[in-house]
Amino acid sequence: MLRTPTDETRLRILAWLKETGPAADGVTADAVAERFSMPRPVAVTHLRLLQATGMLRTSRSEGRVHYHRDEMRIAEVARMFEKGW
């Protein structure tokens, strides 16, 4: 889910959300689409997959969904990979 041979977009989204600055406060699908030069529906698909695995959580502000990293879940997944999952 996180990495395919030809596309590491979801990993890049997670890395961007870890940076300080605007992304640190969560981002909308529009912001992801703009940042990674992709159509909004593609950004939504990536964000929903990350949310479904628990690596992103959401909040609403002014009627818009904002996506944030879930650090505890990301650490849990990283531990699974370290153990040879």
Protein backbone atom coordinates (compact mmCIF):
# COMPACT_ATOMS: atom_id res chain seq x y z
CA MET A 1 0.00 0.00 0.00
CA LEU A 2 2.76 2.47 0.86
CA ARG A 3 5.18 1.64 -1.87
CA THR A 4 4.76 0.32 -5.37
CA PRO A 5 7.63 -0.17 -7.84
CA THR A 6 6.65 2.87 -9.91
CA ASP A 7 5.06 5.28 -7.47
CA GLU A 8 6.00 6.48 -4.00
CA THR A 9 3.40 9.24 -3.85
CA ARG A 10 1.91 8.15 -0.53
CA LEU A 11 5.35 8.10 1.08
CA ARG A 12 6.03 11.58 -0.30
CA ILE A 13 2.70 12.83 1.08
CA LEU A 14 3.54 11.44 4.53
CA ALA A 15 6.99 13.03 4.39
CA TRP A 16 5.53 16.39 3.37
CA LEU A 17 3.03 16.30 6.23
CA LYS A 18 5.93 15.81 8.65
CA GLU A 19 7.65 19.03 7.54
CA THR A 20 7.24 22.19 9.56
CA GLY A 21 5.13 24.89 7.98
CA PRO A 22 1.64 24.80 6.52
CA ALA A 23 1.63 21.04 5.99
CA ALA A 24 2.29 20.46 9.69
CA ASP A 25 -1.21 21.77 10.48
CA GLY A 26 -2.87 19.39 8.06
CA VAL A 27 -3.67 19.77 4.40
CA THR A 28 -6.65 19.54 2.11
CA ALA A 29 -6.90 17.35 -0.97
CA ASP A 30 -6.58 20.52 -3.06
CA ALA A 31 -3.23 21.33 -1.41
CA VAL A 32 -1.94 17.80 -2.05
CA ALA A 33 -3.07 17.95 -5.67
CA GLU A 34 -1.28 21.25 -6.16
CA ARG A 35 1.90 20.24 -4.33
CA PHE A 36 2.32 16.98 -6.25
CA SER A 37 0.92 18.17 -9.60
CA MET A 38 -1.90 15.66 -9.78
CA PRO A 39 -5.63 15.86 -10.37
CA ARG A 40 -7.69 16.36 -7.21
CA PRO A 41 -9.45 12.95 -7.53
CA VAL A 42 -6.05 11.22 -7.55
CA ALA A 43 -5.00 13.16 -4.44
CA VAL A 44 -8.25 12.18 -2.72
CA THR A 45 -7.61 8.52 -3.53
CA HIS A 46 -4.12 8.63 -2.02
CA LEU A 47 -5.36 10.46 1.08
CA ARG A 48 -8.25 8.07 1.61
CA LEU A 49 -5.97 5.06 1.34
CA LEU A 50 -3.65 6.56 3.94
CA GLN A 51 -6.63 7.35 6.15
CA ALA A 52 -8.03 3.82 5.74
CA THR A 53 -4.76 2.36 7.00
CA GLY A 54 -4.83 4.72 9.96
CA MET A 55 -1.76 6.70 9.00
CA LEU A 56 -3.77 9.87 8.49
CA ARG A 57 -6.53 11.28 10.60
CA THR A 58 -8.92 14.01 9.60
CA SER A 59 -10.44 17.14 11.00
CA ARG A 60 -12.93 19.58 9.54
CA SER A 61 -12.52 23.32 9.33
CA GLU A 62 -14.77 25.67 7.40
CA GLY A 63 -16.45 22.70 5.75
CA ARG A 64 -13.19 21.28 4.40
CA VAL A 65 -11.46 18.06 5.38
CA HIS A 66 -7.89 18.45 6.60
CA TYR A 67 -5.55 15.47 6.74
CA HIS A 68 -2.94 15.05 9.51
CA ARG A 69 -0.33 12.40 10.23
CA ASP A 70 -1.15 9.90 12.97
CA GLU A 71 2.31 9.52 14.46
CA MET A 72 1.37 6.63 16.74
CA ARG A 73 0.01 4.53 13.87
CA ILE A 74 2.97 5.39 11.63
CA ALA A 75 5.37 4.26 14.37
CA GLU A 76 3.39 1.05 14.81
CA VAL A 77 3.59 0.26 11.09
CA ALA A 78 7.32 1.05 11.06
CA ARG A 79 7.85 -1.41 13.94
CA MET A 80 5.98 -4.11 11.99
CA PHE A 81 8.29 -3.65 9.02
CA GLU A 82 11.37 -3.67 11.27
CA LYS A 83 10.28 -7.01 12.71
CA GLY A 84 10.13 -8.48 9.24
CA TRP A 85 6.41 -8.37 8.77
